[in-house]
Amino acid sequence: MRDFICVYFGKDWAINARGFTSARQAESHGKYMMPVPGCFGFAVIEEDIGCWNVDWDRSMLSGKETVSQDNLGNFAISF
């Protein structure tokens, strides 16, 4: 079953918001969170069993960021 995640981030933090039913819904959440002071952007991630992909068309990234996942399943964005 696919899960859609919005990861919004700042200089030294990232927040993983889960539970969205579509990439569009996750993108809307990311846009809603953009006015938060210190928020640099967000990534919409589609996660399936054993794999995950960044939806670059629905994310607000400059292209210089690196998206990674830790052993606990949380995503981090570094630049």
PDB file of N, CA and C in Angstrom:
ATOM      1  N   MET A   1       0.837  -1.178   0.000  1.00  0.00           N
ATOM      2  CA  MET A   1       0.000   0.000   0.000  1.00  0.00           C
ATOM      3  C   MET A   1       0.882   1.242   0.000  1.00  0.00           C
ATOM      4  N   ARG A   2       0.582   2.172  -0.863  1.00  0.00           N
ATOM      5  CA  ARG A   2       1.373   3.394  -0.965  1.00  0.00           C
ATOM      6  C   ARG A   2       1.011   4.376   0.149  1.00  0.00           C
ATOM      7  N   ASP A   3       2.038   5.053   0.624  1.00  0.00           N
ATOM      8  CA  ASP A   3       1.876   6.090   1.625  1.00  0.00           C
ATOM      9  C   ASP A   3       2.528   7.348   1.071  1.00  0.00           C
ATOM     10  N   PHE A   4       1.881   8.476   1.266  1.00  0.00           N
ATOM     11  CA  PHE A   4       2.431   9.739   0.797  1.00  0.00           C
ATOM     12  C   PHE A   4       2.871  10.552   2.003  1.00  0.00           C
ATOM     13  N   ILE A   5       4.088  11.088   1.922  1.00  0.00           N
ATOM     14  CA  ILE A   5       4.718  11.783   3.039  1.00  0.00           C
ATOM     15  C   ILE A   5       5.163  13.157   2.568  1.00  0.00           C
ATOM     16  N   CYS A   6       4.981  14.151   3.422  1.00  0.00           N
ATOM     17  CA  CYS A   6       5.509  15.490   3.178  1.00  0.00           C
ATOM     18  C   CYS A   6       6.602  15.743   4.203  1.00  0.00           C
ATOM     19  N   VAL A   7       7.800  16.016   3.718  1.00  0.00           N
ATOM     20  CA  VAL A   7       8.918  16.317   4.603  1.00  0.00           C
ATOM     21  C   VAL A   7       9.299  17.772   4.360  1.00  0.00           C
ATOM     22  N   TYR A   8       9.006  18.627   5.340  1.00  0.00           N
ATOM     23  CA  TYR A   8       9.429  20.017   5.208  1.00  0.00           C
ATOM     24  C   TYR A   8      10.626  20.235   6.122  1.00  0.00           C
ATOM     25  N   PHE A   9      11.490  21.168   5.718  1.00  0.00           N
ATOM     26  CA  PHE A   9      12.803  21.228   6.357  1.00  0.00           C
ATOM     27  C   PHE A   9      13.324  22.659   6.466  1.00  0.00           C
ATOM     28  N   GLY A  10      14.272  22.817   7.383  1.00  0.00           N
ATOM     29  CA  GLY A  10      14.988  24.070   7.572  1.00  0.00           C
ATOM     30  C   GLY A  10      16.478  23.808   7.614  1.00  0.00           C
ATOM     31  N   LYS A  11      17.208  24.712   8.235  1.00  0.00           N
ATOM     32  CA  LYS A  11      18.671  24.610   8.249  1.00  0.00           C
ATOM     33  C   LYS A  11      19.171  23.323   8.887  1.00  0.00           C
ATOM     34  N   ASP A  12      18.641  22.962  10.039  1.00  0.00           N
ATOM     35  CA  ASP A  12      19.127  21.770  10.741  1.00  0.00           C
ATOM     36  C   ASP A  12      17.984  20.930  11.302  1.00  0.00           C
ATOM     37  N   TRP A  13      16.847  20.938  10.618  1.00  0.00           N
ATOM     38  CA  TRP A  13      15.694  20.160  11.070  1.00  0.00           C
ATOM     39  C   TRP A  13      14.862  19.704   9.873  1.00  0.00           C
ATOM     40  N   ALA A  14      14.116  18.645  10.088  1.00  0.00           N
ATOM     41  CA  ALA A  14      13.165  18.139   9.090  1.00  0.00           C
ATOM     42  C   ALA A  14      11.993  17.508   9.835  1.00  0.00           C
ATOM     43  N   ILE A  15      10.800  17.766   9.361  1.00  0.00           N
ATOM     44  CA  ILE A  15       9.597  17.206   9.971  1.00  0.00           C
ATOM     45  C   ILE A  15       8.912  16.321   8.943  1.00  0.00           C
ATOM     46  N   ASN A  16       8.640  15.077   9.327  1.00  0.00           N
ATOM     47  CA  ASN A  16       7.972  14.100   8.469  1.00  0.00           C
ATOM     48  C   ASN A  16       6.488  14.095   8.812  1.00  0.00           C
ATOM     49  N   ALA A  17       5.655  14.509   7.882  1.00  0.00           N
ATOM     50  CA  ALA A  17       4.204  14.465   8.071  1.00  0.00           C
ATOM     51  C   ALA A  17       3.674  13.313   7.221  1.00  0.00           C
ATOM     52  N   ARG A  18       3.040  12.356   7.859  1.00  0.00           N
ATOM     53  CA  ARG A  18       2.575  11.141   7.179  1.00  0.00           C
ATOM     54  C   ARG A  18       1.053  11.060   7.169  1.00  0.00           C
ATOM     55  N   GLY A  19       0.530  10.096   6.413  1.00  0.00           N
ATOM     56  CA  GLY A  19      -0.896   9.806   6.442  1.00  0.00           C
ATOM     57  C   GLY A  19      -1.697  10.452   5.333  1.00  0.00           C
ATOM     58  N   PHE A  20      -1.055  10.952   4.304  1.00  0.00           N
ATOM     59  CA  PHE A  20      -1.791  11.559   3.199  1.00  0.00           C
ATOM     60  C   PHE A  20      -2.226  10.484   2.213  1.00  0.00           C
ATOM     61  N   THR A  21      -3.384  10.678   1.607  1.00  0.00           N
ATOM     62  CA  THR A  21      -3.924   9.681   0.685  1.00  0.00           C
ATOM     63  C   THR A  21      -3.504   9.907  -0.758  1.00  0.00           C
ATOM     64  N   SER A  22      -2.914  11.066  -1.050  1.00  0.00           N
ATOM     65  CA  SER A  22      -2.462  11.340  -2.412  1.00  0.00           C
ATOM     66  C   SER A  22      -1.267  12.285  -2.377  1.00  0.00           C
ATOM     67  N   ALA A  23      -0.534  12.317  -3.480  1.00  0.00           N
ATOM     68  CA  ALA A  23       0.600  13.232  -3.587  1.00  0.00           C
ATOM     69  C   ALA A  23       0.113  14.676  -3.573  1.00  0.00           C
ATOM     70  N   ARG A  24      -1.035  14.920  -4.140  1.00  0.00           N
ATOM     71  CA  ARG A  24      -1.588  16.269  -4.170  1.00  0.00           C
ATOM     72  C   ARG A  24      -1.901  16.766  -2.755  1.00  0.00           C
ATOM     73  N   GLN A  25      -2.436  15.899  -1.929  1.00  0.00           N
ATOM     74  CA  GLN A  25      -2.744  16.261  -0.551  1.00  0.00           C
ATOM     75  C   GLN A  25      -1.455  16.571   0.224  1.00  0.00           C
ATOM     76  N   ALA A  26      -0.413  15.780   0.018  1.00  0.00           N
ATOM     77  CA  ALA A  26       0.875  16.022   0.676  1.00  0.00           C
ATOM     78  C   ALA A  26       1.487  17.341   0.188  1.00  0.00           C
ATOM     79  N   GLU A  27       1.356  17.624  -1.100  1.00  0.00           N
ATOM     80  CA  GLU A  27       1.856  18.882  -1.653  1.00  0.00           C
ATOM     81  C   GLU A  27       1.116  20.081  -1.039  1.00  0.00           C
ATOM     82  N   SER A  28      -0.177  19.966  -0.885  1.00  0.00           N
ATOM     83  CA  SER A  28      -0.965  21.045  -0.280  1.00  0.00           C
ATOM     84  C   SER A  28      -0.499  21.327   1.144  1.00  0.00           C
ATOM     85  N   HIS A  29      -0.190  20.268   1.878  1.00  0.00           N
ATOM     86  CA  HIS A  29       0.317  20.443   3.237  1.00  0.00           C
ATOM     87  C   HIS A  29       1.663  21.160   3.220  1.00  0.00           C
ATOM     88  N   GLY A  30       2.534  20.781   2.298  1.00  0.00           N
ATOM     89  CA  GLY A  30       3.839  21.441   2.191  1.00  0.00           C
ATOM     90  C   GLY A  30       3.702  22.917   1.877  1.00  0.00           C
ATOM     91  N   LYS A  31       2.795  23.258   0.971  1.00  0.00           N
ATOM     92  CA  LYS A  31       2.561  24.671   0.638  1.00  0.00           C
ATOM     93  C   LYS A  31       2.010  25.424   1.847  1.00  0.00           C
ATOM     94  N   TYR A  32       1.167  24.764   2.618  1.00  0.00           N
ATOM     95  CA  TYR A  32       0.596  25.380   3.810  1.00  0.00           C
ATOM     96  C   TYR A  32       1.678  25.678   4.849  1.00  0.00           C
ATOM     97  N   MET A  33       2.700  24.819   4.921  1.00  0.00           N
ATOM     98  CA  MET A  33       3.750  24.979   5.920  1.00  0.00           C
ATOM     99  C   MET A  33       4.876  25.922   5.482  1.00  0.00           C
ATOM    100  N   MET A  34       4.925  26.329   4.230  1.00  0.00           N
ATOM    101  CA  MET A  34       6.013  27.177   3.735  1.00  0.00           C
ATOM    102  C   MET A  34       6.162  28.502   4.477  1.00  0.00           C
ATOM    103  N   PRO A  35       5.086  29.159   4.947  1.00  0.00           N
ATOM    104  CA  PRO A  35       5.273  30.428   5.663  1.00  0.00           C
ATOM    105  C   PRO A  35       5.896  30.289   7.057  1.00  0.00           C
ATOM    106  N   VAL A  36       6.103  29.070   7.537  1.00  0.00           N
ATOM    107  CA  VAL A  36       6.722  28.874   8.848  1.00  0.00           C
ATOM    108  C   VAL A  36       8.141  29.463   8.800  1.00  0.00           C
ATOM    109  N   PRO A  37       8.494  30.318   9.763  1.00  0.00           N
ATOM    110  CA  PRO A  37       9.839  30.902   9.762  1.00  0.00           C
ATOM    111  C   PRO A  37      10.925  29.822   9.751  1.00  0.00           C
ATOM    112  N   GLY A  38      11.870  29.964   8.842  1.00  0.00           N
ATOM    113  CA  GLY A  38      12.980  29.027   8.749  1.00  0.00           C
ATOM    114  C   GLY A  38      12.733  27.822   7.867  1.00  0.00           C
ATOM    115  N   CYS A  39      11.539  27.714   7.279  1.00  0.00           N
ATOM    116  CA  CYS A  39      11.231  26.586   6.387  1.00  0.00           C
ATOM    117  C   CYS A  39      11.784  26.896   5.003  1.00  0.00           C
ATOM    118  N   PHE A  40      12.678  26.031   4.513  1.00  0.00           N
ATOM    119  CA  PHE A  40      13.330  26.254   3.224  1.00  0.00           C
ATOM    120  C   PHE A  40      12.602  25.602   2.055  1.00  0.00           C
ATOM    121  N   GLY A  41      11.797  24.581   2.321  1.00  0.00           N
ATOM    122  CA  GLY A  41      11.110  23.867   1.257  1.00  0.00           C
ATOM    123  C   GLY A  41      10.518  22.581   1.770  1.00  0.00           C
ATOM    124  N   PHE A  42      10.024  21.769   0.847  1.00  0.00           N
ATOM    125  CA  PHE A  42       9.438  20.479   1.234  1.00  0.00           C
ATOM    126  C   PHE A  42       9.603  19.479   0.105  1.00  0.00           C
ATOM    127  N   ALA A  43       9.546  18.206   0.486  1.00  0.00           N
ATOM    128  CA  ALA A  43       9.607  17.105  -0.472  1.00  0.00           C
ATOM    129  C   ALA A  43       8.376  16.232  -0.283  1.00  0.00           C
ATOM    130  N   VAL A  44       7.758  15.859  -1.398  1.00  0.00           N
ATOM    131  CA  VAL A  44       6.656  14.900  -1.374  1.00  0.00           C
ATOM    132  C   VAL A  44       7.251  13.548  -1.737  1.00  0.00           C
ATOM    133  N   ILE A  45       7.061  12.578  -0.857  1.00  0.00           N
ATOM    134  CA  ILE A  45       7.657  11.254  -1.033  1.00  0.00           C
ATOM    135  C   ILE A  45       6.551  10.216  -1.111  1.00  0.00           C
ATOM    136  N   GLU A  46       6.657   9.348  -2.110  1.00  0.00           N
ATOM    137  CA  GLU A  46       5.738   8.228  -2.265  1.00  0.00           C
ATOM    138  C   GLU A  46       6.466   6.981  -1.776  1.00  0.00           C
ATOM    139  N   GLU A  47       5.943   6.372  -0.728  1.00  0.00           N
ATOM    140  CA  GLU A  47       6.593   5.212  -0.116  1.00  0.00           C
ATOM    141  C   GLU A  47       5.737   3.976  -0.332  1.00  0.00           C
ATOM    142  N   ASP A  48       6.374   2.921  -0.798  1.00  0.00           N
ATOM    143  CA  ASP A  48       5.716   1.639  -0.988  1.00  0.00           C
ATOM    144  C   ASP A  48       6.525   0.604  -0.213  1.00  0.00           C
ATOM    145  N   ILE A  49       6.074  -0.612  -0.200  1.00  0.00           N
ATOM    146  CA  ILE A  49       6.794  -1.660   0.526  1.00  0.00           C
ATOM    147  C   ILE A  49       8.171  -1.846  -0.105  1.00  0.00           C
ATOM    148  N   GLY A  50       9.210  -1.567   0.659  1.00  0.00           N
ATOM    149  CA  GLY A  50      10.569  -1.794   0.205  1.00  0.00           C
ATOM    150  C   GLY A  50      11.171  -0.715  -0.680  1.00  0.00           C
ATOM    151  N   CYS A  51      10.438   0.341  -1.009  1.00  0.00           N
ATOM    152  CA  CYS A  51      11.007   1.388  -1.855  1.00  0.00           C
ATOM    153  C   CYS A  51      10.314   2.726  -1.595  1.00  0.00           C
ATOM    154  N   TRP A  52      10.981   3.795  -1.990  1.00  0.00           N
ATOM    155  CA  TRP A  52      10.398   5.124  -1.894  1.00  0.00           C
ATOM    156  C   TRP A  52      10.962   5.997  -3.004  1.00  0.00           C
ATOM    157  N   ASN A  53      10.180   6.977  -3.435  1.00  0.00           N
ATOM    158  CA  ASN A  53      10.576   7.883  -4.509  1.00  0.00           C
ATOM    159  C   ASN A  53      10.146   9.298  -4.164  1.00  0.00           C
ATOM    160  N   VAL A  54      10.989  10.265  -4.519  1.00  0.00           N
ATOM    161  CA  VAL A  54      10.635  11.669  -4.358  1.00  0.00           C
ATOM    162  C   VAL A  54       9.833  12.092  -5.582  1.00  0.00           C
ATOM    163  N   ASP A  55       8.699  12.728  -5.366  1.00  0.00           N
ATOM    164  CA  ASP A  55       7.895  13.284  -6.457  1.00  0.00           C
ATOM    165  C   ASP A  55       8.414  14.701  -6.713  1.00  0.00           C
ATOM    166  N   TRP A  56       9.379  14.824  -7.624  1.00  0.00           N
ATOM    167  CA  TRP A  56      10.062  16.090  -7.871  1.00  0.00           C
ATOM    168  C   TRP A  56       9.111  17.152  -8.418  1.00  0.00           C
ATOM    169  N   ASP A  57       8.076  16.740  -9.140  1.00  0.00           N
ATOM    170  CA  ASP A  57       7.138  17.703  -9.711  1.00  0.00           C
ATOM    171  C   ASP A  57       6.252  18.349  -8.654  1.00  0.00           C
ATOM    172  N   ARG A  58       6.025  17.678  -7.547  1.00  0.00           N
ATOM    173  CA  ARG A  58       5.162  18.207  -6.486  1.00  0.00           C
ATOM    174  C   ARG A  58       5.937  18.732  -5.289  1.00  0.00           C
ATOM    175  N   SER A  59       7.267  18.652  -5.340  1.00  0.00           N
ATOM    176  CA  SER A  59       8.109  19.111  -4.238  1.00  0.00           C
ATOM    177  C   SER A  59       8.626  20.513  -4.522  1.00  0.00           C
ATOM    178  N   MET A  60       9.002  21.209  -3.469  1.00  0.00           N
ATOM    179  CA  MET A  60       9.605  22.530  -3.614  1.00  0.00           C
ATOM    180  C   MET A  60      11.045  22.428  -3.140  1.00  0.00           C
ATOM    181  N   LEU A  61      11.902  22.014  -4.080  1.00  0.00           N
ATOM    182  CA  LEU A  61      13.328  21.812  -3.810  1.00  0.00           C
ATOM    183  C   LEU A  61      14.131  22.529  -4.887  1.00  0.00           C
ATOM    184  N   SER A  62      15.329  22.951  -4.554  1.00  0.00           N
ATOM    185  CA  SER A  62      16.170  23.640  -5.535  1.00  0.00           C
ATOM    186  C   SER A  62      16.886  22.668  -6.468  1.00  0.00           C
ATOM    187  N   GLY A  63      16.967  21.401  -6.071  1.00  0.00           N
ATOM    188  CA  GLY A  63      17.683  20.415  -6.868  1.00  0.00           C
ATOM    189  C   GLY A  63      19.051  20.089  -6.290  1.00  0.00           C
ATOM    190  N   LYS A  64      19.488  20.857  -5.298  1.00  0.00           N
ATOM    191  CA  LYS A  64      20.785  20.628  -4.674  1.00  0.00           C
ATOM    192  C   LYS A  64      20.666  19.806  -3.394  1.00  0.00           C
ATOM    193  N   GLU A  65      19.459  19.533  -2.970  1.00  0.00           N
ATOM    194  CA  GLU A  65      19.237  18.791  -1.733  1.00  0.00           C
ATOM    195  C   GLU A  65      19.402  17.287  -1.949  1.00  0.00           C
ATOM    196  N   THR A  66      19.718  16.602  -0.865  1.00  0.00           N
ATOM    197  CA  THR A  66      19.799  15.148  -0.856  1.00  0.00           C
ATOM    198  C   THR A  66      18.756  14.630   0.121  1.00  0.00           C
ATOM    199  N   VAL A  67      17.944  13.697  -0.341  1.00  0.00           N
ATOM    200  CA  VAL A  67      16.911  13.103   0.509  1.00  0.00           C
ATOM    201  C   VAL A  67      17.384  11.705   0.893  1.00  0.00           C
ATOM    202  N   SER A  68      17.332  11.413   2.192  1.00  0.00           N
ATOM    203  CA  SER A  68      17.761  10.096   2.677  1.00  0.00           C
ATOM    204  C   SER A  68      16.779   9.592   3.717  1.00  0.00           C
ATOM    205  N   GLN A  69      16.838   8.282   3.964  1.00  0.00           N
ATOM    206  CA  GLN A  69      15.965   7.656   4.953  1.00  0.00           C
ATOM    207  C   GLN A  69      16.831   6.928   5.976  1.00  0.00           C
ATOM    208  N   ASP A  70      16.504   7.099   7.265  1.00  0.00           N
ATOM    209  CA  ASP A  70      17.274   6.413   8.300  1.00  0.00           C
ATOM    210  C   ASP A  70      16.669   5.038   8.592  1.00  0.00           C
ATOM    211  N   ASN A  71      17.265   4.321   9.532  1.00  0.00           N
ATOM    212  CA  ASN A  71      16.823   2.957   9.860  1.00  0.00           C
ATOM    213  C   ASN A  71      15.435   2.909  10.489  1.00  0.00           C
ATOM    214  N   LEU A  72      14.979   4.022  11.038  1.00  0.00           N
ATOM    215  CA  LEU A  72      13.657   4.076  11.657  1.00  0.00           C
ATOM    216  C   LEU A  72      12.558   4.475  10.679  1.00  0.00           C
ATOM    217  N   GLY A  73      12.926   4.752   9.428  1.00  0.00           N
ATOM    218  CA  GLY A  73      11.942   5.110   8.407  1.00  0.00           C
ATOM    219  C   GLY A  73      11.673   6.591   8.286  1.00  0.00           C
ATOM    220  N   ASN A  74      12.429   7.408   9.024  1.00  0.00           N
ATOM    221  CA  ASN A  74      12.283   8.862   8.912  1.00  0.00           C
ATOM    222  C   ASN A  74      13.164   9.401   7.808  1.00  0.00           C
ATOM    223  N   PHE A  75      12.675  10.433   7.137  1.00  0.00           N
ATOM    224  CA  PHE A  75      13.410  11.029   6.041  1.00  0.00           C
ATOM    225  C   PHE A  75      14.123  12.279   6.528  1.00  0.00           C
ATOM    226  N   ALA A  76      15.286  12.548   5.928  1.00  0.00           N
ATOM    227  CA  ALA A  76      16.067  13.744   6.223  1.00  0.00           C
ATOM    228  C   ALA A  76      16.439  14.395   4.896  1.00  0.00           C
ATOM    229  N   ILE A  77      16.536  15.704   4.910  1.00  0.00           N
ATOM    230  CA  ILE A  77      16.932  16.458   3.720  1.00  0.00           C
ATOM    231  C   ILE A  77      18.140  17.277   4.085  1.00  0.00           C
ATOM    232  N   SER A  78      19.197  17.105   3.326  1.00  0.00           N
ATOM    233  CA  SER A  78      20.427  17.859   3.572  1.00  0.00           C
ATOM    234  C   SER A  78      20.815  18.605   2.295  1.00  0.00           C
ATOM    235  N   PHE A  79      21.555  19.672   2.484  1.00  0.00           N
ATOM    236  CA  PHE A  79      21.966  20.485   1.333  1.00  0.00           C
ATOM    237  C   PHE A  79      23.351  21.047   1.559  1.00  0.00           C
TER     238      PHE A  79
END
